């Protein structure tokens, strides 16, 4: 619990700073609007957490989000009756991409950085080949409801985010979560103790792909159809996870803190926008966070080793 307190402290400070600049933020509608915008990134961070805590990376989620939106628009093309079949297809597509990433990484022993980088390029190329850079078709109103609509005063995206958060916490408290952390902490020791390392990592990639599919569905409804809708989201998700204190290399970190890291990153970007600071600075901020997190982890490791001897 103590490891999650710093990120929640930073989040609280940023939310107060936003409220000072924009008092409307304190109203329920303002705060729910913020969570609604952040929901896709928070869900992506939860999926990325599973992969990172197992000791791997998933760089393909941004391109997968774009594929989900472009495919949905092309297949539905405004036809309301196709909404649910296409939603099911998108979830299956996310699971399939995650399964391929996991299988190539574990069974063929290709480093996950290379595997998912290759998948990112494959998906990006497929989108450009299919659309020529200009997506065609249109999303139905039923599809857009998940990103734009609400159940009473609460947006559907917020409800979906809560469901994903509860599911992620339950998974990490179950045997799967313990085996995933053990795999990332010490793969050899986990295997010798009976953990099916390859299966745990494949499931982590599958969950990441599923999270990207859900994020794509929400972004399609919220942001509309674009061939750049998922651009850079893979780096934002990784930044959010490390901002939440999850150690790159695996074995350490909380899924709740990772999701809080995504909310913190969104709050930081919101504050920068309120002050009129260029959006290009977002990439600089992400780079600084990743470098600082890796450096902090490297500095903590010697102290941990000295303490254990």
C-alpha atoms as a PDB file:
ATOM      1  CA  UNK A   1       0.000   0.000   0.000  1.00  0.00           C
ATOM      2  CA  UNK A   2       2.813   2.417   0.868  1.00  0.00           C
ATOM      3  CA  UNK A   3       4.279   2.046  -2.627  1.00  0.00           C
ATOM      4  CA  UNK A   4       1.076   3.420  -4.173  1.00  0.00           C
ATOM      5  CA  UNK A   5       0.856   6.500  -1.955  1.00  0.00           C
ATOM      6  CA  UNK A   6       3.398   8.682  -3.846  1.00  0.00           C
ATOM      7  CA  UNK A   7       1.572   8.489  -7.171  1.00  0.00           C
ATOM      8  CA  UNK A   8      -1.771   9.248  -5.538  1.00  0.00           C
ATOM      9  CA  UNK A   9      -0.145  12.207  -3.787  1.00  0.00           C
ATOM     10  CA  UNK A  10       1.143  13.582  -7.090  1.00  0.00           C
ATOM     11  CA  UNK A  11      -2.271  12.994  -8.686  1.00  0.00           C
ATOM     12  CA  UNK A  12      -3.996  14.893  -5.874  1.00  0.00           C
ATOM     13  CA  UNK A  13      -1.634  17.860  -6.270  1.00  0.00           C
ATOM     14  CA  UNK A  14      -2.242  18.013 -10.022  1.00  0.00           C
ATOM     15  CA  UNK A  15      -6.024  17.785  -9.607  1.00  0.00           C
ATOM     16  CA  UNK A  16      -5.932  20.677  -7.119  1.00  0.00           C
ATOM     17  CA  UNK A  17      -3.786  22.695  -9.539  1.00  0.00           C
ATOM     18  CA  UNK A  18      -6.294  22.070 -12.341  1.00  0.00           C
ATOM     19  CA  UNK A  19      -9.166  23.132 -10.073  1.00  0.00           C
ATOM     20  CA  UNK A  20      -7.376  26.381  -9.253  1.00  0.00           C
ATOM     21  CA  UNK A  21      -7.077  27.247 -12.951  1.00  0.00           C
ATOM     22  CA  UNK A  22     -10.487  25.856 -13.908  1.00  0.00           C
ATOM     23  CA  UNK A  23     -13.044  25.908 -11.036  1.00  0.00           C
ATOM     24  CA  UNK A  24     -15.556  23.996 -13.214  1.00  0.00           C
ATOM     25  CA  UNK A  25     -13.298  20.983 -12.726  1.00  0.00           C
ATOM     26  CA  UNK A  26     -14.601  20.677  -9.129  1.00  0.00           C
ATOM     27  CA  UNK A  27     -18.141  20.062 -10.370  1.00  0.00           C
ATOM     28  CA  UNK A  28     -19.198  16.425 -10.970  1.00  0.00           C
ATOM     29  CA  UNK A  29     -19.621  16.993 -14.703  1.00  0.00           C
ATOM     30  CA  UNK A  30     -16.141  18.489 -14.992  1.00  0.00           C
ATOM     31  CA  UNK A  31     -14.423  15.711 -13.072  1.00  0.00           C
ATOM     32  CA  UNK A  32     -16.349  12.956 -14.870  1.00  0.00           C
ATOM     33  CA  UNK A  33     -15.382  14.570 -18.170  1.00  0.00           C
ATOM     34  CA  UNK A  34     -11.724  14.336 -17.152  1.00  0.00           C
ATOM     35  CA  UNK A  35     -12.049  10.647 -16.223  1.00  0.00           C
ATOM     36  CA  UNK A  36     -13.926  10.040 -19.481  1.00  0.00           C
ATOM     37  CA  UNK A  37     -11.033  11.471 -21.496  1.00  0.00           C
ATOM     38  CA  UNK A  38      -8.488   9.518 -19.465  1.00  0.00           C
ATOM     39  CA  UNK A  39     -10.334   6.175 -19.570  1.00  0.00           C
ATOM     40  CA  UNK A  40      -8.739   4.788 -22.787  1.00  0.00           C
ATOM     41  CA  UNK A  41      -5.209   5.531 -21.559  1.00  0.00           C
ATOM     42  CA  UNK A  42      -5.935   4.109 -18.090  1.00  0.00           C
ATOM     43  CA  UNK A  43      -7.241   0.892 -19.645  1.00  0.00           C
ATOM     44  CA  UNK A  44      -4.183   0.696 -21.912  1.00  0.00           C
ATOM     45  CA  UNK A  45      -1.936   1.199 -18.881  1.00  0.00           C
ATOM     46  CA  UNK A  46      -3.647  -1.700 -17.096  1.00  0.00           C
ATOM     47  CA  UNK A  47      -2.968  -3.957 -20.081  1.00  0.00           C
ATOM     48  CA  UNK A  48       0.605  -2.717 -20.409  1.00  0.00           C
ATOM     49  CA  UNK A  49       1.117  -3.367 -16.687  1.00  0.00           C
ATOM     50  CA  UNK A  50       0.494  -7.093 -17.115  1.00  0.00           C
ATOM     51  CA  UNK A  51       3.178  -7.277 -19.790  1.00  0.00           C
ATOM     52  CA  UNK A  52       5.750  -5.099 -18.022  1.00  0.00           C
ATOM     53  CA  UNK A  53       5.391  -6.766 -14.624  1.00  0.00           C
ATOM     54  CA  UNK A  54       6.088 -10.095 -16.371  1.00  0.00           C
ATOM     55  CA  UNK A  55       9.371  -8.663 -17.674  1.00  0.00           C
ATOM     56  CA  UNK A  56       8.324  -7.772 -21.247  1.00  0.00           C
ATOM     57  CA  UNK A  57       7.100  -4.821 -23.381  1.00  0.00           C
ATOM     58  CA  UNK A  58       4.189  -4.280 -25.759  1.00  0.00           C
ATOM     59  CA  UNK A  59       4.832  -1.562 -28.339  1.00  0.00           C
ATOM     60  CA  UNK A  60       1.980  -2.626 -30.619  1.00  0.00           C
ATOM     61  CA  UNK A  61      -1.001  -1.311 -28.639  1.00  0.00           C
ATOM     62  CA  UNK A  62      -1.095   2.149 -30.265  1.00  0.00           C
ATOM     63  CA  UNK A  63      -1.245   0.697 -33.771  1.00  0.00           C
ATOM     64  CA  UNK A  64      -3.778  -1.875 -32.613  1.00  0.00           C
ATOM     65  CA  UNK A  65      -6.036   0.909 -31.329  1.00  0.00           C
ATOM     66  CA  UNK A  66      -5.871   2.556 -34.763  1.00  0.00           C
ATOM     67  CA  UNK A  67      -6.675  -0.730 -36.504  1.00  0.00           C
ATOM     68  CA  UNK A  68      -9.681  -1.258 -34.228  1.00  0.00           C
ATOM     69  CA  UNK A  69     -11.160   2.149 -35.054  1.00  0.00           C
ATOM     70  CA  UNK A  70     -10.453   1.998 -38.795  1.00  0.00           C
ATOM     71  CA  UNK A  71     -11.789  -1.556 -39.161  1.00  0.00           C
ATOM     72  CA  UNK A  72     -14.920  -0.702 -37.171  1.00  0.00           C
ATOM     73  CA  UNK A  73     -15.717   2.316 -39.354  1.00  0.00           C
ATOM     74  CA  UNK A  74     -15.134   0.404 -42.570  1.00  0.00           C
ATOM     75  CA  UNK A  75     -17.232  -2.618 -41.568  1.00  0.00           C
ATOM     76  CA  UNK A  76     -20.115  -0.803 -39.867  1.00  0.00           C
ATOM     77  CA  UNK A  77     -20.317   2.109 -42.342  1.00  0.00           C
ATOM     78  CA  UNK A  78     -23.221   3.635 -40.423  1.00  0.00           C
ATOM     79  CA  UNK A  79     -25.265   0.411 -40.273  1.00  0.00           C
ATOM     80  CA  UNK A  80     -26.661   0.162 -36.728  1.00  0.00           C
ATOM     81  CA  UNK A  81     -27.403  -3.559 -37.056  1.00  0.00           C
ATOM     82  CA  UNK A  82     -23.687  -4.338 -37.437  1.00  0.00           C
ATOM     83  CA  UNK A  83     -22.658  -2.646 -34.183  1.00  0.00           C
ATOM     84  CA  UNK A  84     -22.609  -5.671 -31.883  1.00  0.00           C
ATOM     85  CA  UNK A  85     -21.134  -8.181 -34.371  1.00  0.00           C
ATOM     86  CA  UNK A  86     -18.304  -5.746 -35.135  1.00  0.00           C
ATOM     87  CA  UNK A  87     -17.730  -5.083 -31.420  1.00  0.00           C
ATOM     88  CA  UNK A  88     -17.307  -8.821 -30.912  1.00  0.00           C
ATOM     89  CA  UNK A  89     -14.939  -8.997 -33.880  1.00  0.00           C
ATOM     90  CA  UNK A  90     -12.812  -6.154 -32.491  1.00  0.00           C
ATOM     91  CA  UNK A  91     -12.405  -7.906 -29.145  1.00  0.00           C
ATOM     92  CA  UNK A  92     -11.394 -11.111 -30.903  1.00  0.00           C
ATOM     93  CA  UNK A  93      -8.912  -9.166 -33.042  1.00  0.00           C
ATOM     94  CA  UNK A  94      -7.321  -7.689 -29.920  1.00  0.00           C
ATOM     95  CA  UNK A  95      -7.062 -11.130 -28.327  1.00  0.00           C
ATOM     96  CA  UNK A  96      -5.547 -12.567 -31.511  1.00  0.00           C
ATOM     97  CA  UNK A  97      -2.867  -9.859 -31.817  1.00  0.00           C
ATOM     98  CA  UNK A  98      -1.973 -10.340 -28.164  1.00  0.00           C
ATOM     99  CA  UNK A  99      -1.788 -14.109 -28.651  1.00  0.00           C
ATOM    100  CA  UNK A 100       0.558 -13.743 -31.637  1.00  0.00           C
ATOM    101  CA  UNK A 101       2.781 -11.325 -29.710  1.00  0.00           C
ATOM    102  CA  UNK A 102       2.924 -13.668 -26.751  1.00  0.00           C
ATOM    103  CA  UNK A 103       3.539 -16.808 -28.794  1.00  0.00           C
ATOM    104  CA  UNK A 104       6.335 -15.266 -30.872  1.00  0.00           C
ATOM    105  CA  UNK A 105       7.985 -13.836 -27.753  1.00  0.00           C
ATOM    106  CA  UNK A 106       7.819 -16.989 -25.642  1.00  0.00           C
ATOM    107  CA  UNK A 107       7.847 -19.913 -28.080  1.00  0.00           C
ATOM    108  CA  UNK A 108      10.197 -18.473 -30.701  1.00  0.00           C
ATOM    109  CA  UNK A 109      12.301 -16.620 -28.096  1.00  0.00           C
ATOM    110  CA  UNK A 110      12.162 -13.320 -29.972  1.00  0.00           C
ATOM    111  CA  UNK A 111      12.648 -10.373 -27.574  1.00  0.00           C
ATOM    112  CA  UNK A 112       9.299  -8.711 -26.904  1.00  0.00           C
ATOM    113  CA  UNK A 113      10.703  -5.319 -27.896  1.00  0.00           C
ATOM    114  CA  UNK A 114      11.423  -6.665 -31.397  1.00  0.00           C
ATOM    115  CA  UNK A 115       8.228  -8.724 -31.617  1.00  0.00           C
ATOM    116  CA  UNK A 116       5.881  -5.909 -30.715  1.00  0.00           C
ATOM    117  CA  UNK A 117       7.848  -3.324 -32.688  1.00  0.00           C
ATOM    118  CA  UNK A 118       7.427  -5.572 -35.715  1.00  0.00           C
ATOM    119  CA  UNK A 119       3.708  -5.980 -34.969  1.00  0.00           C
ATOM    120  CA  UNK A 120       3.380  -2.197 -34.639  1.00  0.00           C
ATOM    121  CA  UNK A 121       4.890  -1.741 -38.099  1.00  0.00           C
ATOM    122  CA  UNK A 122       2.752  -4.540 -39.583  1.00  0.00           C
ATOM    123  CA  UNK A 123      -0.461  -3.038 -38.216  1.00  0.00           C
ATOM    124  CA  UNK A 124       0.504   0.506 -39.239  1.00  0.00           C
ATOM    125  CA  UNK A 125       1.345  -0.662 -42.747  1.00  0.00           C
ATOM    126  CA  UNK A 126      -1.888  -2.632 -43.000  1.00  0.00           C
ATOM    127  CA  UNK A 127      -3.940   0.416 -42.009  1.00  0.00           C
ATOM    128  CA  UNK A 128      -2.195   2.620 -44.578  1.00  0.00           C
ATOM    129  CA  UNK A 129      -2.537  -0.040 -47.297  1.00  0.00           C
ATOM    130  CA  UNK A 130      -6.235  -0.494 -46.586  1.00  0.00           C
ATOM    131  CA  UNK A 131      -7.140   3.181 -46.252  1.00  0.00           C
ATOM    132  CA  UNK A 132      -4.525   4.991 -48.314  1.00  0.00           C
ATOM    133  CA  UNK A 133      -4.157   7.335 -45.343  1.00  0.00           C
ATOM    134  CA  UNK A 134      -7.836   8.356 -45.413  1.00  0.00           C
ATOM    135  CA  UNK A 135     -10.156   6.001 -43.459  1.00  0.00           C
ATOM    136  CA  UNK A 136     -13.508   5.311 -45.050  1.00  0.00           C
ATOM    137  CA  UNK A 137     -16.877   4.415 -43.570  1.00  0.00           C
ATOM    138  CA  UNK A 138     -18.622   5.656 -40.452  1.00  0.00           C
ATOM    139  CA  UNK A 139     -19.314   4.440 -36.948  1.00  0.00           C
ATOM    140  CA  UNK A 140     -22.895   3.847 -35.873  1.00  0.00           C
ATOM    141  CA  UNK A 141     -24.530   5.789 -33.064  1.00  0.00           C
ATOM    142  CA  UNK A 142     -24.648   2.615 -30.986  1.00  0.00           C
ATOM    143  CA  UNK A 143     -20.889   2.207 -31.335  1.00  0.00           C
ATOM    144  CA  UNK A 144     -20.210   5.841 -30.488  1.00  0.00           C
ATOM    145  CA  UNK A 145     -22.339   5.564 -27.349  1.00  0.00           C
ATOM    146  CA  UNK A 146     -19.568   3.701 -25.536  1.00  0.00           C
ATOM    147  CA  UNK A 147     -17.216   6.655 -25.943  1.00  0.00           C
ATOM    148  CA  UNK A 148     -19.702   9.531 -25.849  1.00  0.00           C
ATOM    149  CA  UNK A 149     -22.859   8.281 -24.154  1.00  0.00           C
ATOM    150  CA  UNK A 150     -23.717   7.845 -20.497  1.00  0.00           C
ATOM    151  CA  UNK A 151     -25.890   5.863 -18.133  1.00  0.00           C
ATOM    152  CA  UNK A 152     -27.655   8.653 -16.306  1.00  0.00           C
ATOM    153  CA  UNK A 153     -24.985  11.169 -15.250  1.00  0.00           C
ATOM    154  CA  UNK A 154     -22.108   8.667 -15.481  1.00  0.00           C
ATOM    155  CA  UNK A 155     -20.404   8.165 -18.882  1.00  0.00           C
ATOM    156  CA  UNK A 156     -20.216   4.616 -20.188  1.00  0.00           C
ATOM    157  CA  UNK A 157     -16.451   4.953 -20.512  1.00  0.00           C
ATOM    158  CA  UNK A 158     -16.173   5.623 -16.767  1.00  0.00           C
ATOM    159  CA  UNK A 159     -18.276   2.552 -15.968  1.00  0.00           C
ATOM    160  CA  UNK A 160     -16.176   0.424 -18.332  1.00  0.00           C
ATOM    161  CA  UNK A 161     -13.015   1.797 -16.718  1.00  0.00           C
ATOM    162  CA  UNK A 162     -14.295   0.830 -13.252  1.00  0.00           C
ATOM    163  CA  UNK A 163     -15.112  -2.681 -14.491  1.00  0.00           C
ATOM    164  CA  UNK A 164     -11.645  -3.058 -16.024  1.00  0.00           C
ATOM    165  CA  UNK A 165     -10.017  -1.781 -12.834  1.00  0.00           C
ATOM    166  CA  UNK A 166     -11.892  -4.239 -10.622  1.00  0.00           C
ATOM    167  CA  UNK A 167     -11.089  -7.117 -12.991  1.00  0.00           C
ATOM    168  CA  UNK A 168      -7.392  -6.163 -13.067  1.00  0.00           C
ATOM    169  CA  UNK A 169      -7.173  -6.024  -9.261  1.00  0.00           C
ATOM    170  CA  UNK A 170      -8.914  -9.389  -8.896  1.00  0.00           C
ATOM    171  CA  UNK A 171      -6.582 -10.956 -11.461  1.00  0.00           C
ATOM    172  CA  UNK A 172      -3.497  -9.709  -9.640  1.00  0.00           C
ATOM    173  CA  UNK A 173      -4.805 -11.012  -6.307  1.00  0.00           C
ATOM    174  CA  UNK A 174      -5.464 -14.438  -7.812  1.00  0.00           C
ATOM    175  CA  UNK A 175      -2.863 -17.135  -8.541  1.00  0.00           C
ATOM    176  CA  UNK A 176      -2.343 -15.638 -12.003  1.00  0.00           C
ATOM    177  CA  UNK A 177      -1.115 -12.363 -10.527  1.00  0.00           C
ATOM    178  CA  UNK A 178       1.337 -14.069  -8.208  1.00  0.00           C
ATOM    179  CA  UNK A 179       2.749 -16.215 -11.010  1.00  0.00           C
ATOM    180  CA  UNK A 180       3.050 -13.147 -13.251  1.00  0.00           C
ATOM    181  CA  UNK A 181       5.014 -11.208 -10.645  1.00  0.00           C
ATOM    182  CA  UNK A 182       7.192 -14.251  -9.905  1.00  0.00           C
ATOM    183  CA  UNK A 183       7.917 -14.619 -13.620  1.00  0.00           C
ATOM    184  CA  UNK A 184       9.032 -11.005 -13.942  1.00  0.00           C
ATOM    185  CA  UNK A 185      11.039 -11.078 -10.720  1.00  0.00           C
ATOM    186  CA  UNK A 186      13.084 -14.198 -11.496  1.00  0.00           C
ATOM    187  CA  UNK A 187      12.112 -16.278 -14.492  1.00  0.00           C
ATOM    188  CA  UNK A 188      14.428 -19.186 -13.699  1.00  0.00           C
ATOM    189  CA  UNK A 189      13.391 -19.438 -10.049  1.00  0.00           C
ATOM    190  CA  UNK A 190       9.719 -19.238 -11.047  1.00  0.00           C
ATOM    191  CA  UNK A 191      10.144 -22.049 -13.586  1.00  0.00           C
ATOM    192  CA  UNK A 192      11.962 -24.231 -11.055  1.00  0.00           C
ATOM    193  CA  UNK A 193       9.134 -23.709  -8.577  1.00  0.00           C
ATOM    194  CA  UNK A 194       6.588 -24.996 -11.083  1.00  0.00           C
ATOM    195  CA  UNK A 195       5.344 -21.774 -12.652  1.00  0.00           C
ATOM    196  CA  UNK A 196       4.432 -22.135 -16.323  1.00  0.00           C
ATOM    197  CA  UNK A 197       6.372 -19.056 -17.367  1.00  0.00           C
ATOM    198  CA  UNK A 198       5.501 -19.110 -21.063  1.00  0.00           C
ATOM    199  CA  UNK A 199       1.778 -19.459 -20.414  1.00  0.00           C
ATOM    200  CA  UNK A 200       1.818 -16.589 -17.893  1.00  0.00           C
ATOM    201  CA  UNK A 201       3.530 -14.268 -20.362  1.00  0.00           C
ATOM    202  CA  UNK A 202       1.276 -15.257 -23.257  1.00  0.00           C
ATOM    203  CA  UNK A 203      -1.769 -14.471 -21.103  1.00  0.00           C
ATOM    204  CA  UNK A 204      -0.203 -11.104 -20.211  1.00  0.00           C
ATOM    205  CA  UNK A 205       0.098 -10.207 -23.916  1.00  0.00           C
ATOM    206  CA  UNK A 206      -3.454 -11.417 -24.552  1.00  0.00           C
ATOM    207  CA  UNK A 207      -4.746  -9.143 -21.784  1.00  0.00           C
ATOM    208  CA  UNK A 208      -2.762  -6.250 -23.252  1.00  0.00           C
ATOM    209  CA  UNK A 209      -4.328  -6.860 -26.663  1.00  0.00           C
ATOM    210  CA  UNK A 210      -7.798  -7.037 -25.122  1.00  0.00           C
ATOM    211  CA  UNK A 211      -7.185  -3.772 -23.261  1.00  0.00           C
ATOM    212  CA  UNK A 212      -6.116  -2.111 -26.522  1.00  0.00           C
ATOM    213  CA  UNK A 213      -9.318  -3.323 -28.192  1.00  0.00           C
ATOM    214  CA  UNK A 214     -11.467  -1.834 -25.421  1.00  0.00           C
ATOM    215  CA  UNK A 215      -9.493   1.427 -25.541  1.00  0.00           C
ATOM    216  CA  UNK A 216      -9.950   1.548 -29.310  1.00  0.00           C
ATOM    217  CA  UNK A 217     -13.711   1.133 -28.953  1.00  0.00           C
ATOM    218  CA  UNK A 218     -13.870   4.007 -26.470  1.00  0.00           C
ATOM    219  CA  UNK A 219     -11.603   6.251 -28.544  1.00  0.00           C
ATOM    220  CA  UNK A 220     -13.613   5.552 -31.685  1.00  0.00           C
ATOM    221  CA  UNK A 221     -16.702   6.870 -29.991  1.00  0.00           C
ATOM    222  CA  UNK A 222     -14.968   9.766 -28.264  1.00  0.00           C
ATOM    223  CA  UNK A 223     -12.449  11.006 -30.831  1.00  0.00           C
ATOM    224  CA  UNK A 224     -13.923   9.729 -34.086  1.00  0.00           C
ATOM    225  CA  UNK A 225     -12.307   7.915 -37.015  1.00  0.00           C
ATOM    226  CA  UNK A 226      -8.704   8.755 -37.850  1.00  0.00           C
ATOM    227  CA  UNK A 227      -5.644   6.915 -39.105  1.00  0.00           C
ATOM    228  CA  UNK A 228      -3.662   8.581 -36.291  1.00  0.00           C
ATOM    229  CA  UNK A 229      -6.064   7.949 -33.402  1.00  0.00           C
ATOM    230  CA  UNK A 230      -3.693   5.545 -31.642  1.00  0.00           C
ATOM    231  CA  UNK A 231      -0.422   7.252 -32.550  1.00  0.00           C
ATOM    232  CA  UNK A 232       1.946   7.431 -29.591  1.00  0.00           C
ATOM    233  CA  UNK A 233      -0.407   5.685 -27.177  1.00  0.00           C
ATOM    234  CA  UNK A 234       2.040   2.825 -26.655  1.00  0.00           C
ATOM    235  CA  UNK A 235       4.596   5.251 -25.225  1.00  0.00           C
ATOM    236  CA  UNK A 236       1.990   7.031 -23.119  1.00  0.00           C
ATOM    237  CA  UNK A 237       0.916   3.690 -21.646  1.00  0.00           C
ATOM    238  CA  UNK A 238       4.513   2.720 -20.803  1.00  0.00           C
ATOM    239  CA  UNK A 239       5.131   6.168 -19.317  1.00  0.00           C
ATOM    240  CA  UNK A 240       2.004   5.845 -17.177  1.00  0.00           C
ATOM    241  CA  UNK A 241       3.067   2.431 -15.886  1.00  0.00           C
ATOM    242  CA  UNK A 242       6.563   3.541 -14.874  1.00  0.00           C
ATOM    243  CA  UNK A 243       5.140   6.764 -13.423  1.00  0.00           C
ATOM    244  CA  UNK A 244       3.060   4.508 -11.194  1.00  0.00           C
ATOM    245  CA  UNK A 245       6.244   2.952  -9.828  1.00  0.00           C
ATOM    246  CA  UNK A 246       6.229  -0.283 -11.807  1.00  0.00           C
ATOM    247  CA  UNK A 247       9.796  -1.443 -12.405  1.00  0.00           C
ATOM    248  CA  UNK A 248      10.842  -1.912 -16.025  1.00  0.00           C
ATOM    249  CA  UNK A 249      12.216  -5.429 -16.160  1.00  0.00           C
ATOM    250  CA  UNK A 250       9.343  -6.880 -14.166  1.00  0.00           C
ATOM    251  CA  UNK A 251       8.588  -8.289 -10.757  1.00  0.00           C
ATOM    252  CA  UNK A 252       7.658  -5.047  -8.951  1.00  0.00           C
ATOM    253  CA  UNK A 253       4.647  -2.766  -9.001  1.00  0.00           C
ATOM    254  CA  UNK A 254       0.900  -2.471  -8.498  1.00  0.00           C
ATOM    255  CA  UNK A 255      -1.786  -2.422 -11.188  1.00  0.00           C
ATOM    256  CA  UNK A 256      -3.687   0.198  -9.176  1.00  0.00           C
ATOM    257  CA  UNK A 257      -0.590   2.426  -9.153  1.00  0.00           C
ATOM    258  CA  UNK A 258      -0.126   1.885 -12.896  1.00  0.00           C
ATOM    259  CA  UNK A 259      -3.691   3.026 -13.575  1.00  0.00           C
ATOM    260  CA  UNK A 260      -3.199   5.972 -11.211  1.00  0.00           C
ATOM    261  CA  UNK A 261      -0.066   6.787 -13.218  1.00  0.00           C
ATOM    262  CA  UNK A 262      -2.212   7.080 -16.347  1.00  0.00           C
ATOM    263  CA  UNK A 263      -4.622   9.424 -14.555  1.00  0.00           C
ATOM    264  CA  UNK A 264      -1.647  11.455 -13.334  1.00  0.00           C
ATOM    265  CA  UNK A 265      -0.215  11.711 -16.850  1.00  0.00           C
ATOM    266  CA  UNK A 266      -3.587  12.830 -18.207  1.00  0.00           C
ATOM    267  CA  UNK A 267      -3.879  15.382 -15.393  1.00  0.00           C
ATOM    268  CA  UNK A 268      -0.410  16.718 -16.186  1.00  0.00           C
ATOM    269  CA  UNK A 269      -1.257  17.095 -19.880  1.00  0.00           C
ATOM    270  CA  UNK A 270      -4.546  18.793 -18.968  1.00  0.00           C
ATOM    271  CA  UNK A 271      -2.712  21.274 -16.749  1.00  0.00           C
ATOM    272  CA  UNK A 272      -0.171  22.030 -19.477  1.00  0.00           C
ATOM    273  CA  UNK A 273      -3.008  22.681 -21.930  1.00  0.00           C
ATOM    274  CA  UNK A 274      -4.744  25.002 -19.472  1.00  0.00           C
ATOM    275  CA  UNK A 275      -1.562  27.059 -19.261  1.00  0.00           C
ATOM    276  CA  UNK A 276      -1.308  27.122 -23.061  1.00  0.00           C
ATOM    277  CA  UNK A 277       1.934  25.148 -23.168  1.00  0.00           C
ATOM    278  CA  UNK A 278       2.622  23.458 -26.499  1.00  0.00           C
ATOM    279  CA  UNK A 279       1.389  19.888 -26.856  1.00  0.00           C
ATOM    280  CA  UNK A 280       4.775  18.977 -28.318  1.00  0.00           C
ATOM    281  CA  UNK A 281       6.148  19.196 -24.779  1.00  0.00           C
ATOM    282  CA  UNK A 282       4.169  16.043 -23.926  1.00  0.00           C
ATOM    283  CA  UNK A 283       6.788  13.900 -25.670  1.00  0.00           C
ATOM    284  CA  UNK A 284       9.548  15.601 -23.684  1.00  0.00           C
ATOM    285  CA  UNK A 285       7.680  14.954 -20.433  1.00  0.00           C
ATOM    286  CA  UNK A 286       7.202  11.279 -21.312  1.00  0.00           C
ATOM    287  CA  UNK A 287      10.890  10.895 -22.146  1.00  0.00           C
ATOM    288  CA  UNK A 288      11.982  12.515 -18.889  1.00  0.00           C
ATOM    289  CA  UNK A 289       9.627  10.300 -16.860  1.00  0.00           C
ATOM    290  CA  UNK A 290      10.855   7.080 -18.476  1.00  0.00           C
ATOM    291  CA  UNK A 291      14.547   7.968 -18.074  1.00  0.00           C
ATOM    292  CA  UNK A 292      14.033   9.093 -14.468  1.00  0.00           C
ATOM    293  CA  UNK A 293      12.093   5.933 -13.603  1.00  0.00           C
ATOM    294  CA  UNK A 294      14.734   3.631 -15.055  1.00  0.00           C
ATOM    295  CA  UNK A 295      17.515   5.594 -13.334  1.00  0.00           C
ATOM    296  CA  UNK A 296      15.688   5.456  -9.994  1.00  0.00           C
ATOM    297  CA  UNK A 297      15.224   1.709 -10.362  1.00  0.00           C
ATOM    298  CA  UNK A 298      18.906   1.247 -11.147  1.00  0.00           C
ATOM    299  CA  UNK A 299      19.887   3.291  -8.079  1.00  0.00           C
ATOM    300  CA  UNK A 300      17.567   1.330  -5.793  1.00  0.00           C
ATOM    301  CA  UNK A 301      18.916  -2.041  -6.930  1.00  0.00           C
ATOM    302  CA  UNK A 302      22.398  -1.722  -5.317  1.00  0.00           C
ATOM    303  CA  UNK A 303      20.828  -0.633  -2.023  1.00  0.00           C
ATOM    304  CA  UNK A 304      18.484  -3.619  -2.147  1.00  0.00           C
ATOM    305  CA  UNK A 305      21.379  -5.971  -2.833  1.00  0.00           C
ATOM    306  CA  UNK A 306      23.476  -4.502   0.009  1.00  0.00           C
ATOM    307  CA  UNK A 307      20.537  -4.767   2.395  1.00  0.00           C
ATOM    308  CA  UNK A 308      20.091  -8.462   1.590  1.00  0.00           C
ATOM    309  CA  UNK A 309      23.772  -9.349   2.218  1.00  0.00           C
END
